[in-house]
C-alpha cells in the first residue's frame, strides 16, 4: 500500500508516518504539490529530530 518515500518513513519513524497520513487525508487526492510539500516538511522534521534530539 505504501510506495516510495512513505515506505521509507514507515521504516524510519512510525510516528512521522502517522502524522503524514493524518495530514494527507486533509488534502485533495489530486493535490500532488501539497503532497510534495508535505514530504519536504516531514523530511525536515526527521532531520531535526536526528540532529537535535
Protein backbone atom coordinates (compact mmCIF):
# COMPACT_ATOMS: atom_id res chain seq x y z
CA UNK A 1 0.00 0.00 0.00
CA UNK A 2 2.81 2.44 0.83
CA UNK A 3 5.05 3.43 -2.04
CA UNK A 4 8.22 5.44 -2.43
CA UNK A 5 9.18 7.84 0.35
CA UNK A 6 6.22 6.86 2.52
CA UNK A 7 7.60 3.33 2.75
CA UNK A 8 10.95 4.67 3.90
CA UNK A 9 9.25 6.86 6.51
CA UNK A 10 7.35 3.88 7.85
CA UNK A 11 10.60 2.03 8.43
CA UNK A 12 12.47 5.00 9.80
CA UNK A 13 9.97 6.75 12.02
CA UNK A 14 6.44 5.31 12.56
CA UNK A 15 5.05 8.39 14.34
CA UNK A 16 6.05 10.58 11.39
CA UNK A 17 4.12 8.30 9.05
CA UNK A 18 1.03 8.52 11.24
CA UNK A 19 1.35 12.30 11.06
CA UNK A 20 1.85 12.19 7.29
CA UNK A 21 -1.27 10.15 6.63
CA UNK A 22 -3.33 12.25 9.01
CA UNK A 23 -2.28 15.33 7.03
CA UNK A 24 -2.72 13.61 3.66
CA UNK A 25 -6.36 12.92 4.47
CA UNK A 26 -6.87 16.68 4.66
CA UNK A 27 -5.52 17.25 1.12
CA UNK A 28 -7.47 16.76 -2.09
CA UNK A 29 -6.45 13.47 -3.65
CA UNK A 30 -5.07 15.17 -6.75
CA UNK A 31 -3.09 17.82 -4.84
CA UNK A 32 0.35 16.45 -5.71
CA UNK A 33 2.10 19.75 -4.99
CA UNK A 34 0.66 19.60 -1.49
CA UNK A 35 1.90 16.04 -1.09
CA UNK A 36 5.40 17.02 -2.20
CA UNK A 37 5.43 19.98 0.19
CA UNK A 38 4.33 17.65 2.96
CA UNK A 39 7.17 15.25 2.11
CA UNK A 40 9.67 18.10 2.36
CA UNK A 41 8.27 19.22 5.73
CA UNK A 42 8.41 15.68 7.06
CA UNK A 43 12.00 15.20 5.88
CA UNK A 44 13.00 18.44 7.62
CA UNK A 45 11.25 17.30 10.80
CA UNK A 46 13.06 13.97 10.69
CA UNK A 47 16.40 15.72 10.19
CA UNK A 48 15.73 17.99 13.15
CA UNK A 49 14.87 15.00 15.33
CA UNK A 50 18.08 13.25 14.32
CA UNK A 51 20.37 16.20 14.82
CA UNK A 52 18.82 17.90 17.83
CA UNK A 53 17.43 15.08 19.98
